C-alpha atoms as a PDB file:
ATOM      1  CA  MET A   1    -175.061 -74.468 -14.477  1.00  0.00           C
ATOM      2  CA  PRO A   2    -176.612 -76.994 -16.877  1.00  0.00           C
ATOM      3  CA  ALA A   3    -176.083 -80.688 -16.243  1.00  0.00           C
ATOM      4  CA  LEU A   4    -173.938 -80.851 -19.360  1.00  0.00           C
ATOM      5  CA  ALA A   5    -171.272 -78.882 -17.513  1.00  0.00           C
ATOM      6  CA  MET A   6    -170.572 -81.975 -15.400  1.00  0.00           C
ATOM      7  CA  ALA A   7    -170.113 -84.234 -18.421  1.00  0.00           C
ATOM      8  CA  LEU A   8    -166.583 -85.483 -19.032  1.00  0.00           C
ATOM      9  CA  PRO A   9    -164.960 -84.074 -22.157  1.00  0.00           C
ATOM     10  CA  VAL A  10    -163.235 -86.508 -24.505  1.00  0.00           C
ATOM     11  CA  VAL A  11    -160.104 -85.957 -26.580  1.00  0.00           C
ATOM     12  CA  ARG A  12    -159.991 -87.492 -30.046  1.00  0.00           C
ATOM     13  CA  GLY A  13    -156.364 -88.345 -30.711  1.00  0.00           C
ATOM     14  CA  GLU A  14    -153.197 -86.704 -29.451  1.00  0.00           C
ATOM     15  CA  ALA A  15    -152.216 -83.067 -29.609  1.00  0.00           C
ATOM     16  CA  ARG A  16    -150.076 -82.280 -32.647  1.00  0.00           C
ATOM     17  CA  SER A  17    -147.954 -79.366 -33.754  1.00  0.00           C
ATOM     18  CA  VAL A  18    -149.555 -77.337 -36.552  1.00  0.00           C
ATOM     19  CA  TRP A  19    -146.933 -74.572 -36.625  1.00  0.00           C
ATOM     20  CA  THR A  20    -143.383 -75.123 -35.392  1.00  0.00           C
ATOM     21  CA  ALA A  21    -142.960 -71.411 -34.854  1.00  0.00           C
ATOM     22  CA  GLN A  22    -140.393 -71.507 -32.004  1.00  0.00           C
ATOM     23  CA  ALA A  23    -142.276 -68.580 -30.479  1.00  0.00           C
ATOM     24  CA  LEU A  24    -140.414 -66.937 -27.634  1.00  0.00           C
ATOM     25  CA  LEU A  25    -143.730 -66.290 -25.900  1.00  0.00           C
ATOM     26  CA  GLY A  26    -146.738 -67.555 -27.840  1.00  0.00           C
ATOM     27  CA  GLU A  27    -150.032 -66.139 -26.543  1.00  0.00           C
ATOM     28  CA  GLY A  28    -153.277 -64.420 -27.497  1.00  0.00           C
ATOM     29  CA  THR A  29    -155.070 -67.280 -29.258  1.00  0.00           C
ATOM     30  CA  VAL A  30    -158.400 -66.221 -30.806  1.00  0.00           C
ATOM     31  CA  TRP A  31    -160.417 -67.929 -33.548  1.00  0.00           C
ATOM     32  CA  SER A  32    -161.902 -65.807 -36.317  1.00  0.00           C
ATOM     33  CA  VAL A  33    -165.208 -67.344 -37.426  1.00  0.00           C
ATOM     34  CA  ARG A  34    -165.296 -64.789 -40.244  1.00  0.00           C
ATOM     35  CA  GLU A  35    -161.901 -65.781 -41.646  1.00  0.00           C
ATOM     36  CA  GLN A  36    -161.883 -69.404 -40.435  1.00  0.00           C
ATOM     37  CA  ALA A  37    -158.415 -68.773 -39.073  1.00  0.00           C
ATOM     38  CA  LEU A  38    -156.621 -68.609 -35.749  1.00  0.00           C
ATOM     39  CA  TYR A  39    -154.850 -65.433 -34.686  1.00  0.00           C
ATOM     40  CA  TRP A  40    -152.097 -65.670 -32.097  1.00  0.00           C
ATOM     41  CA  VAL A  41    -149.043 -63.678 -31.074  1.00  0.00           C
ATOM     42  CA  ASP A  42    -145.410 -64.065 -30.094  1.00  0.00           C
ATOM     43  CA  ILE A  43    -145.181 -61.360 -27.450  1.00  0.00           C
ATOM     44  CA  LEU A  44    -141.399 -61.248 -27.100  1.00  0.00           C
ATOM     45  CA  GLY A  45    -140.856 -61.971 -30.785  1.00  0.00           C
ATOM     46  CA  HIS A  46    -143.015 -58.919 -31.640  1.00  0.00           C
ATOM     47  CA  GLN A  47    -145.114 -60.894 -34.106  1.00  0.00           C
ATOM     48  CA  LEU A  48    -148.771 -61.431 -34.935  1.00  0.00           C
ATOM     49  CA  HIS A  49    -149.550 -64.789 -36.575  1.00  0.00           C
ATOM     50  CA  ARG A  50    -152.566 -66.133 -38.462  1.00  0.00           C
ATOM     51  CA  PHE A  51    -153.107 -69.819 -39.232  1.00  0.00           C
ATOM     52  CA  CYS A  52    -155.778 -71.066 -41.654  1.00  0.00           C
ATOM     53  CA  PRO A  53    -156.090 -74.826 -41.029  1.00  0.00           C
ATOM     54  CA  THR A  54    -158.212 -75.590 -44.101  1.00  0.00           C
ATOM     55  CA  HIS A  55    -155.549 -74.393 -46.538  1.00  0.00           C
ATOM     56  CA  LYS A  56    -152.561 -74.686 -44.151  1.00  0.00           C
ATOM     57  CA  VAL A  57    -151.769 -71.008 -44.794  1.00  0.00           C
ATOM     58  CA  ARG A  58    -149.543 -69.177 -42.302  1.00  0.00           C
ATOM     59  CA  ASP A  59    -149.214 -65.385 -42.254  1.00  0.00           C
ATOM     60  CA  SER A  60    -147.137 -63.209 -39.944  1.00  0.00           C
ATOM     61  CA  TRP A  61    -146.756 -59.492 -39.245  1.00  0.00           C
ATOM     62  CA  LYS A  62    -143.711 -57.992 -37.493  1.00  0.00           C
ATOM     63  CA  PHE A  63    -144.048 -55.142 -34.987  1.00  0.00           C
ATOM     64  CA  SER A  64    -141.486 -52.818 -33.434  1.00  0.00           C
ATOM     65  CA  GLU A  65    -142.603 -53.735 -29.909  1.00  0.00           C
ATOM     66  CA  GLU A  66    -144.484 -56.402 -27.990  1.00  0.00           C
ATOM     67  CA  ILE A  67    -147.946 -57.383 -29.208  1.00  0.00           C
ATOM     68  CA  THR A  68    -149.782 -59.250 -26.490  1.00  0.00           C
ATOM     69  CA  ALA A  69    -153.482 -59.763 -27.251  1.00  0.00           C
ATOM     70  CA  VAL A  70    -155.933 -59.345 -30.126  1.00  0.00           C
ATOM     71  CA  ALA A  71    -159.685 -59.169 -30.720  1.00  0.00           C
ATOM     72  CA  GLU A  72    -161.598 -59.034 -33.983  1.00  0.00           C
ATOM     73  CA  ARG A  73    -163.588 -55.886 -34.642  1.00  0.00           C
ATOM     74  CA  ALA A  74    -167.360 -56.046 -35.080  1.00  0.00           C
ATOM     75  CA  THR A  75    -167.248 -53.044 -37.426  1.00  0.00           C
ATOM     76  CA  GLY A  76    -164.266 -51.762 -39.316  1.00  0.00           C
ATOM     77  CA  PRO A  77    -161.347 -53.710 -40.751  1.00  0.00           C
ATOM     78  CA  GLY A  78    -158.837 -55.794 -38.902  1.00  0.00           C
ATOM     79  CA  LEU A  79    -158.191 -56.160 -35.207  1.00  0.00           C
ATOM     80  CA  LEU A  80    -157.988 -54.399 -31.893  1.00  0.00           C
ATOM     81  CA  VAL A  81    -154.511 -55.171 -30.526  1.00  0.00           C
ATOM     82  CA  ALA A  82    -152.693 -54.613 -27.244  1.00  0.00           C
ATOM     83  CA  LEU A  83    -149.096 -53.501 -27.734  1.00  0.00           C
ATOM     84  CA  ARG A  84    -146.475 -52.799 -25.081  1.00  0.00           C
ATOM     85  CA  ARG A  85    -148.384 -49.847 -23.602  1.00  0.00           C
ATOM     86  CA  ASP A  86    -150.909 -48.883 -26.297  1.00  0.00           C
ATOM     87  CA  LEU A  87    -154.240 -50.187 -27.488  1.00  0.00           C
ATOM     88  CA  ALA A  88    -154.497 -49.857 -31.260  1.00  0.00           C
ATOM     89  CA  PHE A  89    -156.349 -50.868 -34.395  1.00  0.00           C
ATOM     90  CA  PHE A  90    -154.370 -52.961 -36.868  1.00  0.00           C
ATOM     91  CA  ASP A  91    -155.528 -53.612 -40.435  1.00  0.00           C
ATOM     92  CA  THR A  92    -154.075 -56.940 -41.576  1.00  0.00           C
ATOM     93  CA  ASP A  93    -154.819 -56.107 -45.233  1.00  0.00           C
ATOM     94  CA  THR A  94    -152.945 -52.793 -45.358  1.00  0.00           C
ATOM     95  CA  GLY A  95    -150.619 -53.030 -42.362  1.00  0.00           C
ATOM     96  CA  ARG A  96    -151.984 -49.740 -41.003  1.00  0.00           C
ATOM     97  CA  LEU A  97    -151.595 -49.283 -37.245  1.00  0.00           C
ATOM     98  CA  GLU A  98    -153.737 -46.677 -35.448  1.00  0.00           C
ATOM     99  CA  ARG A  99    -152.806 -46.084 -31.825  1.00  0.00           C
ATOM    100  CA  LEU A 100    -155.846 -45.368 -29.668  1.00  0.00           C
ATOM    101  CA  HIS A 101    -155.132 -45.149 -25.951  1.00  0.00           C
ATOM    102  CA  GLN A 102    -152.415 -45.638 -23.348  1.00  0.00           C
ATOM    103  CA  PRO A 103    -153.815 -46.183 -19.829  1.00  0.00           C
ATOM    104  CA  GLU A 104    -150.528 -46.282 -17.877  1.00  0.00           C
ATOM    105  CA  PRO A 105    -148.188 -43.551 -19.179  1.00  0.00           C
ATOM    106  CA  ALA A 106    -146.589 -43.177 -15.739  1.00  0.00           C
ATOM    107  CA  GLN A 107    -145.680 -46.870 -15.368  1.00  0.00           C
ATOM    108  CA  PRO A 108    -142.839 -47.617 -17.823  1.00  0.00           C
ATOM    109  CA  GLY A 109    -142.060 -50.882 -16.038  1.00  0.00           C
ATOM    110  CA  ASN A 110    -145.415 -52.363 -17.049  1.00  0.00           C
ATOM    111  CA  ARG A 111    -146.669 -53.783 -20.331  1.00  0.00           C
ATOM    112  CA  PHE A 112    -149.952 -55.186 -21.541  1.00  0.00           C
ATOM    113  CA  ASN A 113    -150.503 -58.935 -21.361  1.00  0.00           C
ATOM    114  CA  ASP A 114    -153.630 -61.048 -21.901  1.00  0.00           C
ATOM    115  CA  GLY A 115    -157.009 -59.760 -23.056  1.00  0.00           C
ATOM    116  CA  LYS A 116    -160.417 -60.790 -24.386  1.00  0.00           C
ATOM    117  CA  CYS A 117    -163.830 -59.280 -25.203  1.00  0.00           C
ATOM    118  CA  ASP A 118    -166.942 -59.886 -23.130  1.00  0.00           C
ATOM    119  CA  ALA A 119    -170.359 -60.582 -24.650  1.00  0.00           C
ATOM    120  CA  GLN A 120    -171.089 -56.831 -24.894  1.00  0.00           C
ATOM    121  CA  GLY A 121    -167.962 -56.261 -26.983  1.00  0.00           C
ATOM    122  CA  ARG A 122    -165.900 -54.598 -24.243  1.00  0.00           C
ATOM    123  CA  PHE A 123    -162.197 -55.507 -24.256  1.00  0.00           C
ATOM    124  CA  TRP A 124    -160.847 -56.712 -20.892  1.00  0.00           C
ATOM    125  CA  VAL A 125    -157.064 -56.482 -20.900  1.00  0.00           C
ATOM    126  CA  GLY A 126    -154.448 -56.763 -18.187  1.00  0.00           C
ATOM    127  CA  THR A 127    -151.118 -55.081 -17.566  1.00  0.00           C
ATOM    128  CA  MET A 128    -148.182 -56.645 -15.752  1.00  0.00           C
ATOM    129  CA  ASP A 129    -144.761 -55.963 -14.357  1.00  0.00           C
ATOM    130  CA  MET A 130    -142.226 -56.718 -17.105  1.00  0.00           C
ATOM    131  CA  ALA A 131    -140.034 -58.400 -14.486  1.00  0.00           C
ATOM    132  CA  CYS A 132    -143.011 -60.532 -13.317  1.00  0.00           C
ATOM    133  CA  ARG A 133    -142.446 -59.531  -9.691  1.00  0.00           C
ATOM    134  CA  ALA A 134    -144.105 -56.303  -8.552  1.00  0.00           C
ATOM    135  CA  PRO A 135    -147.911 -56.310  -8.086  1.00  0.00           C
ATOM    136  CA  SER A 136    -148.166 -53.271 -10.378  1.00  0.00           C
ATOM    137  CA  GLY A 137    -150.516 -54.837 -12.933  1.00  0.00           C
ATOM    138  CA  ALA A 138    -154.179 -54.025 -13.362  1.00  0.00           C
ATOM    139  CA  TRP A 139    -157.219 -55.150 -15.340  1.00  0.00           C
ATOM    140  CA  TYR A 140    -158.834 -52.600 -17.659  1.00  0.00           C
ATOM    141  CA  ARG A 141    -162.191 -52.473 -19.406  1.00  0.00           C
ATOM    142  CA  TYR A 142    -161.820 -50.754 -22.777  1.00  0.00           C
ATOM    143  CA  MET A 143    -164.798 -49.570 -24.812  1.00  0.00           C
ATOM    144  CA  GLY A 144    -163.108 -47.505 -27.533  1.00  0.00           C
ATOM    145  CA  GLY A 145    -161.528 -44.051 -27.846  1.00  0.00           C
ATOM    146  CA  SER A 146    -160.378 -43.038 -24.388  1.00  0.00           C
ATOM    147  CA  GLN A 147    -163.129 -44.998 -22.605  1.00  0.00           C
ATOM    148  CA  CYS A 148    -160.846 -47.140 -20.474  1.00  0.00           C
ATOM    149  CA  ASN A 149    -161.610 -47.996 -16.849  1.00  0.00           C
ATOM    150  CA  ARG A 150    -159.254 -49.590 -14.327  1.00  0.00           C
ATOM    151  CA  MET A 151    -161.258 -52.442 -12.782  1.00  0.00           C
ATOM    152  CA  LEU A 152    -158.751 -54.402 -10.643  1.00  0.00           C
ATOM    153  CA  THR A 153    -155.291 -53.633  -9.281  1.00  0.00           C
ATOM    154  CA  GLY A 154    -152.435 -55.312  -7.427  1.00  0.00           C
ATOM    155  CA  VAL A 155    -151.609 -58.193  -9.799  1.00  0.00           C
ATOM    156  CA  SER A 156    -148.069 -59.094 -10.881  1.00  0.00           C
ATOM    157  CA  VAL A 157    -148.964 -61.117 -14.004  1.00  0.00           C
ATOM    158  CA  THR A 158    -152.484 -60.869 -15.443  1.00  0.00           C
ATOM    159  CA  ASN A 159    -153.776 -63.824 -17.462  1.00  0.00           C
ATOM    160  CA  GLY A 160    -157.109 -65.178 -18.659  1.00  0.00           C
ATOM    161  CA  PRO A 161    -159.722 -63.826 -18.719  1.00  0.00           C
ATOM    162  CA  THR A 162    -162.803 -65.911 -19.471  1.00  0.00           C
ATOM    163  CA  TRP A 163    -166.451 -65.923 -18.406  1.00  0.00           C
ATOM    164  CA  SER A 164    -168.993 -68.412 -17.116  1.00  0.00           C
ATOM    165  CA  LEU A 165    -171.670 -69.571 -19.528  1.00  0.00           C
ATOM    166  CA  ASP A 166    -174.281 -67.276 -17.954  1.00  0.00           C
ATOM    167  CA  GLN A 167    -171.801 -64.350 -18.027  1.00  0.00           C
ATOM    168  CA  ARG A 168    -172.269 -63.871 -14.285  1.00  0.00           C
ATOM    169  CA  THR A 169    -168.685 -64.751 -13.345  1.00  0.00           C
ATOM    170  CA  LEU A 170    -165.386 -63.473 -14.706  1.00  0.00           C
ATOM    171  CA  PHE A 171    -162.421 -65.801 -14.209  1.00  0.00           C
ATOM    172  CA  ALA A 172    -158.962 -64.211 -14.195  1.00  0.00           C
ATOM    173  CA  ASN A 173    -155.562 -65.581 -13.273  1.00  0.00           C
ATOM    174  CA  ASP A 174    -153.140 -64.225 -10.725  1.00  0.00           C
ATOM    175  CA  THR A 175    -150.391 -66.250 -12.338  1.00  0.00           C
ATOM    176  CA  VAL A 176    -147.511 -65.508  -9.958  1.00  0.00           C
ATOM    177  CA  ARG A 177    -149.602 -66.706  -7.006  1.00  0.00           C
ATOM    178  CA  GLY A 178    -150.724 -69.793  -8.941  1.00  0.00           C
ATOM    179  CA  ARG A 179    -154.408 -69.127  -8.553  1.00  0.00           C
ATOM    180  CA  VAL A 180    -157.529 -68.601 -10.629  1.00  0.00           C
ATOM    181  CA  MET A 181    -159.842 -65.942  -9.227  1.00  0.00           C
ATOM    182  CA  ALA A 182    -163.612 -65.779  -9.734  1.00  0.00           C
ATOM    183  CA  TYR A 183    -165.334 -62.381  -9.698  1.00  0.00           C
ATOM    184  CA  PRO A 184    -169.099 -61.758  -9.663  1.00  0.00           C
ATOM    185  CA  PHE A 185    -169.804 -60.020 -12.974  1.00  0.00           C
ATOM    186  CA  ASP A 186    -172.695 -57.845 -14.109  1.00  0.00           C
ATOM    187  CA  PRO A 187    -172.923 -58.599 -17.852  1.00  0.00           C
ATOM    188  CA  VAL A 188    -174.928 -55.450 -18.616  1.00  0.00           C
ATOM    189  CA  ALA A 189    -172.994 -52.893 -16.602  1.00  0.00           C
ATOM    190  CA  GLY A 190    -169.648 -54.666 -16.984  1.00  0.00           C
ATOM    191  CA  THR A 191    -168.814 -54.326 -13.297  1.00  0.00           C
ATOM    192  CA  LEU A 192    -167.095 -56.703 -10.867  1.00  0.00           C
ATOM    193  CA  GLY A 193    -167.746 -57.835  -7.321  1.00  0.00           C
ATOM    194  CA  THR A 194    -165.234 -59.070  -4.771  1.00  0.00           C
ATOM    195  CA  GLY A 195    -163.121 -61.948  -6.069  1.00  0.00           C
ATOM    196  CA  THR A 196    -162.567 -65.316  -4.420  1.00  0.00           C
ATOM    197  CA  VAL A 197    -159.987 -68.023  -5.114  1.00  0.00           C
ATOM    198  CA  TRP A 198    -161.694 -70.487  -7.457  1.00  0.00           C
ATOM    199  CA  LEU A 199    -158.661 -72.732  -8.009  1.00  0.00           C
ATOM    200  CA  GLN A 200    -155.256 -72.863  -6.346  1.00  0.00           C
ATOM    201  CA  MET A 201    -152.762 -74.863  -8.363  1.00  0.00           C
ATOM    202  CA  GLY A 202    -150.481 -77.345  -6.690  1.00  0.00           C
ATOM    203  CA  PRO A 203    -146.662 -77.231  -6.785  1.00  0.00           C
ATOM    204  CA  ASP A 204    -146.458 -79.813  -9.598  1.00  0.00           C
ATOM    205  CA  ASP A 205    -149.106 -78.196 -11.809  1.00  0.00           C
ATOM    206  CA  GLY A 206    -147.180 -75.161 -12.995  1.00  0.00           C
ATOM    207  CA  LEU A 207    -148.957 -71.799 -13.085  1.00  0.00           C
ATOM    208  CA  PRO A 208    -152.310 -70.830 -14.642  1.00  0.00           C
ATOM    209  CA  ASP A 209    -151.943 -68.910 -17.903  1.00  0.00           C
ATOM    210  CA  GLY A 210    -154.545 -68.344 -20.656  1.00  0.00           C
ATOM    211  CA  MET A 211    -158.064 -69.777 -20.404  1.00  0.00           C
ATOM    212  CA  THR A 212    -161.213 -70.356 -22.411  1.00  0.00           C
ATOM    213  CA  THR A 213    -164.795 -71.521 -21.822  1.00  0.00           C
ATOM    214  CA  ASP A 214    -166.551 -74.218 -23.855  1.00  0.00           C
ATOM    215  CA  ALA A 215    -170.223 -74.480 -24.848  1.00  0.00           C
ATOM    216  CA  ALA A 216    -170.925 -76.637 -21.777  1.00  0.00           C
ATOM    217  CA  GLY A 217    -169.528 -73.963 -19.475  1.00  0.00           C
ATOM    218  CA  ARG A 218    -166.346 -75.857 -18.586  1.00  0.00           C
ATOM    219  CA  ILE A 219    -163.141 -73.873 -18.056  1.00  0.00           C
ATOM    220  CA  TRP A 220    -159.965 -74.854 -19.953  1.00  0.00           C
ATOM    221  CA  ILE A 221    -156.633 -73.649 -18.524  1.00  0.00           C
ATOM    222  CA  ALA A 222    -153.128 -73.556 -20.029  1.00  0.00           C
ATOM    223  CA  HIS A 223    -150.403 -74.475 -17.508  1.00  0.00           C
ATOM    224  CA  TRP A 224    -147.155 -72.494 -17.670  1.00  0.00           C
ATOM    225  CA  GLY A 225    -144.471 -74.910 -16.507  1.00  0.00           C
ATOM    226  CA  GLY A 226    -147.001 -77.723 -16.309  1.00  0.00           C
ATOM    227  CA  ALA A 227    -146.824 -79.097 -19.885  1.00  0.00           C
ATOM    228  CA  CYS A 228    -150.589 -79.451 -20.168  1.00  0.00           C
ATOM    229  CA  VAL A 229    -154.051 -77.979 -20.581  1.00  0.00           C
ATOM    230  CA  THR A 230    -156.710 -78.947 -18.055  1.00  0.00           C
ATOM    231  CA  CYS A 231    -160.504 -78.787 -18.188  1.00  0.00           C
ATOM    232  CA  HIS A 232    -162.524 -77.976 -15.057  1.00  0.00           C
ATOM    233  CA  ASP A 233    -166.082 -78.023 -13.806  1.00  0.00           C
ATOM    234  CA  PRO A 234    -167.173 -74.359 -13.555  1.00  0.00           C
ATOM    235  CA  ASP A 235    -168.885 -74.723 -10.182  1.00  0.00           C
ATOM    236  CA  THR A 236    -166.458 -76.900  -8.239  1.00  0.00           C
ATOM    237  CA  ALA A 237    -163.202 -76.361 -10.203  1.00  0.00           C
ATOM    238  CA  LEU A 238    -162.875 -80.177 -10.256  1.00  0.00           C
ATOM    239  CA  GLU A 239    -160.409 -81.285 -12.925  1.00  0.00           C
ATOM    240  CA  LEU A 240    -162.252 -83.265 -15.610  1.00  0.00           C
ATOM    241  CA  LEU A 241    -159.508 -83.768 -18.189  1.00  0.00           C
ATOM    242  CA  ARG A 242    -155.768 -83.231 -18.631  1.00  0.00           C
ATOM    243  CA  ILE A 243    -154.138 -82.948 -22.063  1.00  0.00           C
ATOM    244  CA  PRO A 244    -150.364 -83.558 -21.903  1.00  0.00           C
ATOM    245  CA  LEU A 245    -148.185 -81.595 -24.337  1.00  0.00           C
ATOM    246  CA  PRO A 246    -144.562 -81.956 -25.512  1.00  0.00           C
ATOM    247  CA  ALA A 247    -143.620 -78.497 -24.234  1.00  0.00           C
ATOM    248  CA  SER A 248    -143.477 -77.310 -20.647  1.00  0.00           C
ATOM    249  CA  GLN A 249    -144.501 -73.667 -21.036  1.00  0.00           C
ATOM    250  CA  ILE A 250    -148.103 -73.776 -22.234  1.00  0.00           C
ATOM    251  CA  THR A 251    -149.554 -70.299 -22.517  1.00  0.00           C
ATOM    252  CA  ASN A 252    -153.074 -70.111 -23.965  1.00  0.00           C
ATOM    253  CA  CYS A 253    -155.881 -72.011 -25.667  1.00  0.00           C
ATOM    254  CA  ALA A 254    -158.899 -71.279 -27.860  1.00  0.00           C
ATOM    255  CA  PHE A 255    -161.520 -73.346 -29.651  1.00  0.00           C
ATOM    256  CA  GLY A 256    -161.704 -73.105 -33.425  1.00  0.00           C
ATOM    257  CA  GLY A 257    -162.316 -75.009 -36.632  1.00  0.00           C
ATOM    258  CA  LYS A 258    -165.573 -75.204 -38.575  1.00  0.00           C
ATOM    259  CA  ASP A 259    -167.414 -76.862 -35.681  1.00  0.00           C
ATOM    260  CA  LEU A 260    -165.384 -75.192 -32.888  1.00  0.00           C
ATOM    261  CA  LYS A 261    -164.217 -78.631 -31.731  1.00  0.00           C
ATOM    262  CA  THR A 262    -160.506 -78.025 -32.326  1.00  0.00           C
ATOM    263  CA  LEU A 263    -158.593 -76.729 -29.324  1.00  0.00           C
ATOM    264  CA  PHE A 264    -155.622 -74.615 -30.420  1.00  0.00           C
ATOM    265  CA  ILE A 265    -152.851 -74.281 -27.845  1.00  0.00           C
ATOM    266  CA  SER A 266    -149.897 -71.874 -27.813  1.00  0.00           C
ATOM    267  CA  SER A 267    -146.563 -72.351 -26.054  1.00  0.00           C
ATOM    268  CA  ALA A 268    -143.255 -70.600 -25.363  1.00  0.00           C
ATOM    269  CA  CYS A 269    -139.548 -71.326 -25.423  1.00  0.00           C
ATOM    270  CA  THR A 270    -138.263 -68.260 -23.575  1.00  0.00           C
ATOM    271  CA  GLY A 271    -136.250 -68.964 -20.449  1.00  0.00           C
ATOM    272  CA  LEU A 272    -135.525 -72.581 -21.301  1.00  0.00           C
ATOM    273  CA  SER A 273    -131.926 -73.768 -21.052  1.00  0.00           C
ATOM    274  CA  GLU A 274    -130.118 -75.405 -23.963  1.00  0.00           C
ATOM    275  CA  PRO A 275    -130.626 -78.906 -22.484  1.00  0.00           C
ATOM    276  CA  GLN A 276    -134.319 -78.140 -21.996  1.00  0.00           C
ATOM    277  CA  LEU A 277    -134.662 -76.908 -25.576  1.00  0.00           C
ATOM    278  CA  LEU A 278    -133.033 -80.116 -26.817  1.00  0.00           C
ATOM    279  CA  GLN A 279    -135.557 -82.099 -24.774  1.00  0.00           C
ATOM    280  CA  GLN A 280    -138.431 -79.916 -26.008  1.00  0.00           C
ATOM    281  CA  PRO A 281    -137.896 -79.321 -29.754  1.00  0.00           C
ATOM    282  CA  LEU A 282    -141.555 -78.238 -30.057  1.00  0.00           C
ATOM    283  CA  ALA A 283    -141.323 -75.537 -27.386  1.00  0.00           C
ATOM    284  CA  GLY A 284    -142.877 -72.407 -28.872  1.00  0.00           C
ATOM    285  CA  ALA A 285    -145.091 -74.344 -31.291  1.00  0.00           C
ATOM    286  CA  LEU A 286    -148.807 -73.946 -31.919  1.00  0.00           C
ATOM    287  CA  PHE A 287    -150.645 -77.199 -31.173  1.00  0.00           C
ATOM    288  CA  SER A 288    -154.119 -78.483 -31.923  1.00  0.00           C
ATOM    289  CA  VAL A 289    -156.218 -81.329 -30.550  1.00  0.00           C
ATOM    290  CA  GLU A 290    -159.732 -82.489 -31.405  1.00  0.00           C
ATOM    291  CA  VAL A 291    -162.368 -82.770 -28.665  1.00  0.00           C
ATOM    292  CA  ASN A 292    -165.901 -84.150 -28.624  1.00  0.00           C
ATOM    293  CA  SER A 293    -167.747 -80.937 -27.744  1.00  0.00           C
ATOM    294  CA  PRO A 294    -167.499 -77.399 -29.091  1.00  0.00           C
ATOM    295  CA  GLY A 295    -166.188 -74.189 -27.659  1.00  0.00           C
ATOM    296  CA  LEU A 296    -167.794 -70.779 -27.970  1.00  0.00           C
ATOM    297  CA  PRO A 297    -167.185 -68.231 -30.730  1.00  0.00           C
ATOM    298  CA  ALA A 298    -164.976 -65.344 -29.643  1.00  0.00           C
ATOM    299  CA  HIS A 299    -166.774 -62.087 -28.908  1.00  0.00           C
ATOM    300  CA  LEU A 300    -166.008 -59.165 -31.222  1.00  0.00           C
ATOM    301  CA  PHE A 301    -164.857 -55.718 -30.133  1.00  0.00           C
ATOM    302  CA  ALA A 302    -167.767 -53.308 -30.417  1.00  0.00           C
ATOM    303  CA  GLY A 303    -165.940 -50.013 -29.858  1.00  0.00           C
END
């Protein structure tokens, strides 16, 4: 890794709410360089959101089922989206939904969860047990049509993924076990080696949820139940920075803005008691915070 990866990141100001959405389960943050807007989802609220910070424009689309992750398409209009059990194309201009593939027709207790494209434009998306207990989830590599390969199995709640700067490591979260796994990754073939525990979270840190990688190679992790996002050295997993947030259930993060120096952070309010909701009026909001170094542009789906 380059020496810059060891540099300490700096936050410019405090995190602030940019959309008090009260999302039941905010997730799926991805910045569109093309549209200069952030896409994100409310999984349990069955909604896709888009936030344009320059003009403060907020758009939303309602679905009949969970929508869990999105990726911009390299060719063709709109987005690739993960629904409850289907992968589909969704055109935000027309509202047209085209279902493409369902990899787990025999597992009605599962649904899709987090997902992201690699540098070759392949969509890596995880499934999970809806009850968050059984290790019935798997990671899939989707390349379009029915080209969908099961790459990892035996996970209860799949979150992440993100890659090292050299694309030689895939990081993915086994959220229920509180650990971030690192897998040797062949960026050309899109294959994985045997995973090792890269980071085991402590009892007071919550659980690892969504992640992203910045231009220095550092790994940024949202903490479910931990009320923060942390930044880590990619080689040692040493914590370099902690950003506290006024909501306990932090779910995902992505860099955006014109210079990719704005970290957007999603959160959730599902499962919180009435006293907790009174203490956390911004639970379920979308937050942003400025940092001193940029992230990386999101990869587009090539299929």
